[in-house]
C-alpha cells in the first residue's frame, strides 16, 4: 500500500498545498498531478483520517477560495486505489456538441479531450470501478446519440493503478513546433533531438495544462514566431523591442519571446501563484533573469511603459472591459495580440476594439472553437 490517494473534482487551478478540514480536524497534503482538462487532481494525504463522501478545503496559505472535494471509494479511511477508464474517439467536428452535452447533464466524470493540432477528439471517463464505468457508458452513449455525436470505433476500457492515472495526462500532450521554436514536455527531454538552429521551451506538467486552453496559447505563440520573423526580415532588431505578457499564467508566452531573441520581456498576473510558477518555469529553461515576472493587473501591470508586442490571452469579456488600457499599453507601430476568445465572440471583441482605436489594422484567425485578434497600431 502506498500513500493514500484521493481524486479532487471541481477544483480550480491550484498548485499550492491545501488543508482539508474534516469535522474540525485537519489533514494536510500536496498535489501530485492531474488528469486531462484540469478538473481532477491526485492528492497525497500526509495525515490520513476517516473521511466523509465530501468535504471542503482551503489553501494552506489562507484565502477565500474554498474548494469542494469528492472522494472515490467508500466512506472511511481511504487507502491506495485503482480507477477505471473508458476512452473512445469522436469526430473532431463534434467536440463542441459533446462538450455541451456533458455540461448540460452534469456528467463530471467525462471529458472531451481535444488535440487541436492533430484534429482529433477523445471522450474519456474516469470511474471508481468497472461496474460504475459500464453504467456511465450506457448513459453517455444515449446522450451523444441525442446530440448527434457519432462514436468512432469501440471504446477502450482499462483499469488504472495509481501510477497510470497520475501520469495519464502525458498520453494527451506531445511536443509541437512552429517555425524554429519547439514546445516539448519535460518528460521527453531525454529522447528529444533539437534541430540545429532551433530553440526549445521545456514544459513541466503545470505548464502544459496550466495555461488555459492549449488552442489559445498556440494561436498566440504562432503570432509571436511569425511576427519575430517578419521584423527580422524588415531589418528590425527585435532584441531592442519590448514584449509584455498581460496575464502571464505559467509564463509560456513570455518565455517563448525570450527564446526567440527578445531581450526586454515582462509578464504580470494578478495571481501571485502564477508569478511563482512562471519563475519556476524560467528556471527550468535556464531563463532566470531573462524575463521579469511580477504581480499586477490590467491597470497596474503596464506601469513600466508600453510594449512593442503586447499579449493578453485572457477572456473575451475581460478584454472588452479593458480595451482602452490594453491599447494604451502598445508602443507606436506596435502589435497587440488577444486570445482566450471563443470563435462566436470574435466579432464582438473586434467591434469593441474598433470603437476605441478605429485606425488600427485588425485581423483574426480561428483554431477549433477558439480565435485570436491581432491589432497593429499605425
Protein backbone atom coordinates (compact mmCIF):
# COMPACT_ATOMS: atom_id res chain seq x y z
CA UNK A 1 0.00 0.00 0.00
CA UNK A 2 1.36 3.39 -0.99
CA UNK A 3 0.38 6.84 0.16
CA UNK A 4 -3.40 7.21 0.31
CA UNK A 5 -4.68 8.73 -2.91
CA UNK A 6 -7.71 10.96 -3.41
CA UNK A 7 -9.24 12.50 -6.50
CA UNK A 8 -10.40 16.11 -6.25
CA UNK A 9 -13.18 17.27 -8.54
CA UNK A 10 -14.32 20.84 -9.26
CA UNK A 11 -11.02 22.21 -8.06
CA UNK A 12 -9.90 25.50 -9.64
CA UNK A 13 -6.34 25.85 -10.93
CA UNK A 14 -4.06 25.40 -7.94
CA UNK A 15 -0.62 24.08 -7.12
CA UNK A 16 -0.20 25.34 -3.56
CA UNK A 17 -0.60 22.93 -0.64
CA UNK A 18 -4.16 22.63 0.64
CA UNK A 19 -5.55 21.88 4.07
CA UNK A 20 -8.58 19.62 4.36
CA UNK A 21 -10.82 20.29 7.33
CA UNK A 22 -12.99 17.36 8.31
CA UNK A 23 -15.17 17.64 11.40
CA UNK A 24 -12.88 20.25 12.90
CA UNK A 25 -9.64 18.33 12.33
CA UNK A 26 -7.17 18.97 9.55
CA UNK A 27 -5.35 16.68 7.14
CA UNK A 28 -2.61 18.25 5.05
CA UNK A 29 -1.44 17.05 1.67
CA UNK A 30 0.06 18.01 -1.65
CA UNK A 31 -0.94 17.81 -5.30
CA UNK A 32 0.79 15.04 -7.23
CA UNK A 33 -0.64 15.64 -10.68
CA UNK A 34 -3.91 15.79 -12.58
CA UNK A 35 -5.79 14.01 -15.28
CA UNK A 36 -6.54 15.91 -18.50
CA UNK A 37 -8.66 19.05 -18.62
CA UNK A 38 -7.53 20.21 -15.19
CA UNK A 39 -10.68 19.06 -13.40
CA UNK A 40 -9.26 16.24 -11.27
CA UNK A 41 -6.08 16.06 -9.24
CA UNK A 42 -4.16 13.37 -7.42
CA UNK A 43 -3.81 14.16 -3.75
CA UNK A 44 -1.25 12.65 -1.41
CA UNK A 45 -2.53 12.81 2.15
CA UNK A 46 0.18 13.26 4.75
CA UNK A 47 -2.18 12.90 7.69
CA UNK A 48 -4.84 10.40 6.54
CA UNK A 49 -8.05 10.32 8.54
CA UNK A 50 -11.56 8.85 8.20
CA UNK A 51 -13.20 10.97 5.51
CA UNK A 52 -16.81 11.59 4.57
CA UNK A 53 -18.05 11.44 0.97
CA UNK A 54 -17.24 15.13 0.57
CA UNK A 55 -15.64 17.99 2.45
CA UNK A 56 -14.12 21.40 1.89
CA UNK A 57 -10.51 22.52 1.54
CA UNK A 58 -8.81 25.89 1.51
CA UNK A 59 -5.26 26.90 0.51
CA UNK A 60 -2.80 26.36 3.33
CA UNK A 61 -1.75 29.99 2.98
CA UNK A 62 -5.28 31.18 3.66
CA UNK A 63 -7.66 32.98 1.36
CA UNK A 64 -11.28 32.66 0.45
CA UNK A 65 -11.04 30.17 -2.44
CA UNK A 66 -12.99 27.30 -0.90
CA UNK A 67 -12.79 24.08 -2.88
CA UNK A 68 -15.22 21.20 -2.97
CA UNK A 69 -13.69 17.74 -2.67
CA UNK A 70 -15.27 14.41 -3.52
CA UNK A 71 -13.58 11.16 -2.64
CA UNK A 72 -13.56 8.00 -4.74
CA UNK A 73 -14.40 4.87 -2.80
CA UNK A 74 -16.38 4.16 0.33
CA UNK A 75 -16.71 6.27 3.42
CA UNK A 76 -13.99 5.75 5.96
CA UNK A 77 -10.21 5.70 5.87
CA UNK A 78 -9.00 5.98 2.30
CA UNK A 79 -6.30 3.67 1.05
CA UNK A 80 -4.34 3.30 -2.18
CA UNK A 81 -6.68 2.79 -5.11
CA UNK A 82 -7.17 1.87 -8.72
CA UNK A 83 -9.57 3.61 -11.08
CA UNK A 84 -11.25 2.50 -14.29
CA UNK A 85 -11.12 4.38 -17.58
CA UNK A 86 -13.28 4.29 -20.70
CA UNK A 87 -11.94 6.11 -23.74
CA UNK A 88 -13.36 6.46 -27.23
CA UNK A 89 -12.73 8.71 -30.21
CA UNK A 90 -15.41 11.00 -31.63
CA UNK A 91 -15.30 13.17 -34.78
CA UNK A 92 -13.22 16.33 -34.38
CA UNK A 93 -16.13 18.44 -35.61
CA UNK A 94 -18.33 17.03 -32.83
CA UNK A 95 -16.16 18.29 -29.94
CA UNK A 96 -18.33 21.28 -29.10
CA UNK A 97 -21.57 19.28 -29.25
CA UNK A 98 -20.13 16.58 -26.99
CA UNK A 99 -18.77 19.11 -24.51
CA UNK A 100 -22.13 20.88 -24.38
CA UNK A 101 -23.97 17.61 -23.76
CA UNK A 102 -21.63 16.70 -20.89
CA UNK A 103 -22.02 20.12 -19.26
CA UNK A 104 -25.79 20.28 -19.68
CA UNK A 105 -26.26 16.90 -18.00
CA UNK A 106 -23.65 17.45 -15.28
CA UNK A 107 -21.50 14.44 -16.27
CA UNK A 108 -18.41 15.49 -14.35
CA UNK A 109 -16.61 12.14 -14.77
CA UNK A 110 -16.36 12.66 -18.52
CA UNK A 111 -14.07 14.96 -20.50
CA UNK A 112 -13.77 15.69 -24.21
CA UNK A 113 -10.01 15.82 -24.83
CA UNK A 114 -9.22 17.84 -27.94
CA UNK A 115 -5.98 17.66 -29.92
CA UNK A 116 -6.29 20.84 -31.98
CA UNK A 117 -3.03 20.19 -33.79
CA UNK A 118 -3.87 16.61 -34.79
CA UNK A 119 -7.56 17.39 -35.35
CA UNK A 120 -8.74 14.56 -33.10
CA UNK A 121 -11.01 14.32 -30.05
CA UNK A 122 -11.43 11.60 -27.44
CA UNK A 123 -14.18 11.17 -24.89
CA UNK A 124 -12.62 9.94 -21.63
CA UNK A 125 -14.38 8.86 -18.45
CA UNK A 126 -12.72 8.01 -15.11
CA UNK A 127 -14.66 5.92 -12.59
CA UNK A 128 -14.25 4.14 -9.28
CA UNK A 129 -14.68 0.66 -10.78
CA UNK A 130 -15.67 -1.21 -13.93
CA UNK A 131 -19.31 -1.60 -12.92
CA UNK A 132 -19.76 2.15 -12.48
CA UNK A 133 -17.96 2.77 -15.76
CA UNK A 134 -20.22 0.37 -17.66
CA UNK A 135 -23.36 2.06 -16.34
CA UNK A 136 -21.94 5.50 -17.15
CA UNK A 137 -21.06 4.40 -20.69
CA UNK A 138 -24.65 3.35 -21.36
CA UNK A 139 -25.84 6.76 -20.16
CA UNK A 140 -23.35 8.86 -22.11
CA UNK A 141 -23.79 6.97 -25.40
CA UNK A 142 -27.54 7.65 -25.28
CA UNK A 143 -26.89 11.35 -24.68
CA UNK A 144 -24.35 11.50 -27.51
CA UNK A 145 -26.80 9.91 -29.94
CA UNK A 146 -29.40 12.51 -28.98
CA UNK A 147 -26.79 15.24 -29.56
CA UNK A 148 -25.89 13.85 -32.99
CA UNK A 149 -22.38 12.77 -31.94
CA UNK A 150 -21.03 9.59 -33.51
CA UNK A 151 -18.68 7.14 -31.81
CA UNK A 152 -15.57 6.25 -33.82
CA UNK A 153 -14.82 2.59 -33.18
CA UNK A 154 -15.14 0.57 -29.99
CA UNK A 155 -14.33 2.16 -26.61
CA UNK A 156 -11.08 1.17 -24.90
CA UNK A 157 -11.60 0.03 -21.31
CA UNK A 158 -8.82 -0.37 -18.80
CA UNK A 159 -8.03 -0.38 -15.11
CA UNK A 160 -5.69 2.38 -13.93
CA UNK A 161 -3.42 1.91 -10.97
CA UNK A 162 -2.00 4.90 -9.10
CA UNK A 163 0.93 5.41 -11.44
CA UNK A 164 -1.24 5.05 -14.56
CA UNK A 165 -3.77 7.72 -13.78
CA UNK A 166 -1.36 10.12 -12.12
CA UNK A 167 0.60 10.19 -15.38
CA UNK A 168 -2.33 9.82 -17.78
CA UNK A 169 -2.04 13.44 -18.94
CA UNK A 170 1.21 12.51 -20.68
CA UNK A 171 -0.70 10.50 -23.28
CA UNK A 172 -2.56 13.64 -24.35
CA UNK A 173 0.30 16.12 -24.53
CA UNK A 174 3.06 15.88 -27.10
CA UNK A 175 5.84 18.03 -28.49
CA UNK A 176 4.82 20.58 -31.12
CA UNK A 177 6.61 23.09 -33.29
CA UNK A 178 6.05 26.31 -35.19
CA UNK A 179 8.89 27.79 -37.17
CA UNK A 180 12.17 27.39 -35.31
CA UNK A 181 10.58 27.12 -31.87
CA UNK A 182 9.62 23.83 -30.23
CA UNK A 183 7.47 23.24 -27.14
CA UNK A 184 8.36 19.90 -25.58
CA UNK A 185 7.11 18.24 -22.36
CA UNK A 186 9.94 17.81 -19.93
CA UNK A 187 9.37 14.04 -19.68
CA UNK A 188 10.55 13.80 -23.33
CA UNK A 189 13.79 15.65 -22.60
CA UNK A 190 15.98 12.55 -22.72
CA UNK A 191 14.74 11.47 -26.15
CA UNK A 192 14.07 14.78 -27.92
CA UNK A 193 16.54 15.84 -30.63
CA UNK A 194 16.62 19.58 -31.31
CA UNK A 195 17.35 20.51 -34.94
CA UNK A 196 20.34 22.83 -35.43
CA UNK A 197 19.44 26.49 -35.17
CA UNK A 198 16.12 25.83 -33.43
CA UNK A 199 15.12 26.60 -29.83
CA UNK A 200 13.08 24.59 -27.33
CA UNK A 201 10.88 25.51 -24.38
CA UNK A 202 10.59 22.63 -21.90
CA UNK A 203 7.09 22.31 -20.47
CA UNK A 204 6.51 20.93 -16.98
CA UNK A 205 3.07 19.37 -16.29
CA UNK A 206 1.71 22.54 -14.68
CA UNK A 207 2.96 24.48 -17.71
CA UNK A 208 1.41 22.08 -20.19
CA UNK A 209 -2.03 22.19 -18.62
CA UNK A 210 -1.97 25.32 -16.51
CA UNK A 211 -2.00 27.91 -19.21
CA UNK A 212 -5.58 27.79 -20.15
CA UNK A 213 -6.86 26.32 -23.36
CA UNK A 214 -3.95 24.97 -25.48
CA UNK A 215 -5.51 26.31 -28.70
CA UNK A 216 -5.49 29.88 -27.39
CA UNK A 217 -1.84 29.52 -26.36
CA UNK A 218 -0.91 28.14 -29.76
CA UNK A 219 -2.69 30.99 -31.55
CA UNK A 220 -0.57 33.45 -29.56
CA UNK A 221 2.80 31.75 -30.00
CA UNK A 222 2.24 31.29 -33.73
CA UNK A 223 1.61 35.03 -33.98
CA UNK A 224 4.76 35.67 -31.96
CA UNK A 225 7.01 33.45 -34.11
CA UNK A 226 5.59 34.91 -37.32
CA UNK A 227 5.96 38.49 -36.07
CA UNK A 228 9.57 37.94 -34.98
CA UNK A 229 10.47 36.51 -38.41
CA UNK A 230 8.74 39.39 -40.24
CA UNK A 231 10.51 42.03 -38.18
CA UNK A 232 13.89 40.41 -38.72
CA UNK A 233 13.32 40.33 -42.48
CA UNK A 234 12.43 44.03 -42.31
CA UNK A 235 15.74 44.74 -40.61
CA UNK A 236 14.23 45.39 -37.16
CA UNK A 237 16.43 44.36 -34.23
CA UNK A 238 13.92 42.56 -32.01
CA UNK A 239 16.41 42.36 -29.16
CA UNK A 240 15.73 46.05 -28.58
CA UNK A 241 11.95 45.67 -28.58
CA UNK A 242 9.79 45.22 -25.50
CA UNK A 243 7.34 42.32 -25.05
CA UNK A 244 4.66 42.34 -22.35
CA UNK A 245 2.56 39.28 -21.44
CA UNK A 246 -0.54 40.52 -19.62
CA UNK A 247 -1.99 37.69 -17.53
CA UNK A 248 1.10 35.52 -17.91
CA UNK A 249 -0.33 32.33 -16.35
CA UNK A 250 2.57 29.89 -16.37
CA UNK A 251 4.79 32.17 -18.47
CA UNK A 252 4.79 30.23 -21.74
CA UNK A 253 4.31 33.28 -23.99
CA UNK A 254 6.90 35.48 -22.27
CA UNK A 255 9.45 32.67 -22.13
CA UNK A 256 8.87 31.86 -25.80
CA UNK A 257 9.59 35.51 -26.62
CA UNK A 258 12.88 35.34 -24.73
CA UNK A 259 13.90 32.21 -26.67
CA UNK A 260 13.17 33.97 -29.96
CA UNK A 261 15.64 36.73 -29.11
CA UNK A 262 13.59 39.44 -27.42
CA UNK A 263 15.70 40.72 -24.51
CA UNK A 264 13.24 43.11 -22.88
CA UNK A 265 10.42 40.79 -21.80
CA UNK A 266 8.00 41.18 -18.90
CA UNK A 267 4.98 39.27 -17.68
CA UNK A 268 2.46 40.01 -14.97
CA UNK A 269 -0.51 38.30 -13.42
CA UNK A 270 -2.96 39.20 -10.67
CA UNK A 271 -2.39 35.74 -9.13
CA UNK A 272 0.80 35.52 -7.06
CA UNK A 273 0.85 31.74 -7.59
CA UNK A 274 1.01 32.28 -11.36
CA UNK A 275 4.00 34.58 -10.89
CA UNK A 276 5.75 31.94 -8.80
CA UNK A 277 5.04 29.19 -11.34
CA UNK A 278 6.28 31.41 -14.19
CA UNK A 279 9.55 31.99 -12.34
CA UNK A 280 9.92 28.24 -11.77
CA UNK A 281 9.39 27.60 -15.47
CA UNK A 282 12.01 30.23 -16.31
CA UNK A 283 14.46 28.34 -14.08
CA UNK A 284 13.52 25.03 -15.73
CA UNK A 285 14.54 26.54 -19.07
CA UNK A 286 17.66 28.35 -17.91
CA UNK A 287 15.96 31.72 -18.41
CA UNK A 288 16.24 33.13 -14.89
CA UNK A 289 16.50 36.88 -15.09
CA UNK A 290 15.68 36.93 -18.82
CA UNK A 291 12.01 37.70 -18.12
CA UNK A 292 10.70 39.92 -15.34
CA UNK A 293 7.57 38.38 -13.79
CA UNK A 294 5.59 40.34 -11.22
CA UNK A 295 2.20 40.78 -9.60
CA UNK A 296 -0.09 43.17 -11.44
CA UNK A 297 -3.44 43.63 -13.17
CA UNK A 298 -4.59 45.30 -16.38
CA UNK A 299 -4.47 48.69 -14.69
CA UNK A 300 -1.20 48.48 -12.73
CA UNK A 301 0.67 45.94 -14.86
CA UNK A 302 1.73 48.41 -17.56
CA UNK A 303 3.32 50.91 -15.17
CA UNK A 304 6.81 50.36 -16.64
CA UNK A 305 5.74 51.66 -20.03
CA UNK A 306 4.32 50.38 -23.32
CA UNK A 307 5.40 47.32 -25.28
CA UNK A 308 6.20 46.78 -28.94
CA UNK A 309 4.40 43.44 -28.61
CA UNK A 310 1.63 43.03 -26.02
CA UNK A 311 -0.16 39.74 -25.33
CA UNK A 312 -3.44 39.29 -23.49
CA UNK A 313 -4.64 35.66 -23.55
CA UNK A 314 -7.48 36.09 -21.08
CA UNK A 315 -11.27 36.07 -21.68
CA UNK A 316 -13.38 37.99 -24.18
CA UNK A 317 -15.40 39.90 -21.60
CA UNK A 318 -12.24 40.99 -19.75
CA UNK A 319 -10.57 42.06 -22.99
CA UNK A 320 -13.58 44.18 -23.91
CA UNK A 321 -13.75 45.74 -20.45
CA UNK A 322 -10.08 46.77 -20.57
CA UNK A 323 -9.82 47.66 -24.26
CA UNK A 324 -8.59 51.20 -23.51
CA UNK A 325 -5.91 50.04 -21.05
CA UNK A 326 -4.67 47.35 -23.44
CA UNK A 327 -4.43 49.62 -26.48
CA UNK A 328 -2.77 52.36 -24.42
CA UNK A 329 -0.06 49.84 -23.48
CA UNK A 330 1.08 49.41 -27.11
CA UNK A 331 4.03 51.50 -28.34
CA UNK A 332 3.78 53.41 -31.65
CA UNK A 333 3.91 50.93 -34.51
CA UNK A 334 3.43 48.08 -32.04
CA UNK A 335 1.25 44.98 -32.08
CA UNK A 336 -1.47 43.81 -29.67
CA UNK A 337 -2.30 40.08 -29.71
CA UNK A 338 -5.51 38.99 -27.99
CA UNK A 339 -6.76 35.46 -27.38
CA UNK A 340 -8.90 33.44 -24.99
CA UNK A 341 -11.76 34.36 -27.32
CA UNK A 342 -14.38 31.88 -28.50
CA UNK A 343 -14.92 31.98 -32.25
CA UNK A 344 -18.52 33.08 -31.67
CA UNK A 345 -17.23 36.05 -29.64
CA UNK A 346 -14.59 37.37 -32.02
CA UNK A 347 -16.85 39.82 -33.87
CA UNK A 348 -17.90 41.37 -30.57
CA UNK A 349 -14.28 41.76 -29.45
CA UNK A 350 -13.24 43.27 -32.77
CA UNK A 351 -16.11 45.75 -32.66
CA UNK A 352 -15.21 46.81 -29.10
CA UNK A 353 -11.58 47.49 -30.03
CA UNK A 354 -12.51 49.19 -33.30
CA UNK A 355 -14.61 51.64 -31.27
CA UNK A 356 -11.55 52.51 -29.17
CA UNK A 357 -8.85 52.51 -31.88
CA UNK A 358 -10.66 52.77 -35.24
CA UNK A 359 -7.46 53.45 -37.21
CA UNK A 360 -5.69 50.26 -36.10
CA UNK A 361 -5.47 47.35 -38.53
CA UNK A 362 -7.20 44.18 -37.33
CA UNK A 363 -7.16 40.53 -38.35
CA UNK A 364 -8.21 37.28 -36.69
CA UNK A 365 -7.84 33.52 -37.03
CA UNK A 366 -9.86 30.57 -35.79
CA UNK A 367 -8.47 27.32 -34.35
CA UNK A 368 -11.16 24.85 -33.39
CA UNK A 369 -13.71 26.76 -31.35
CA UNK A 370 -11.21 29.47 -30.36
CA UNK A 371 -9.93 32.59 -32.08
CA UNK A 372 -7.46 35.43 -31.74
CA UNK A 373 -7.40 39.09 -32.73
CA UNK A 374 -4.28 40.89 -33.89
CA UNK A 375 -4.24 44.69 -33.85
CA UNK A 376 -1.45 46.84 -35.30
CA UNK A 377 -1.01 50.47 -34.37
CA UNK A 378 -0.27 52.73 -37.36
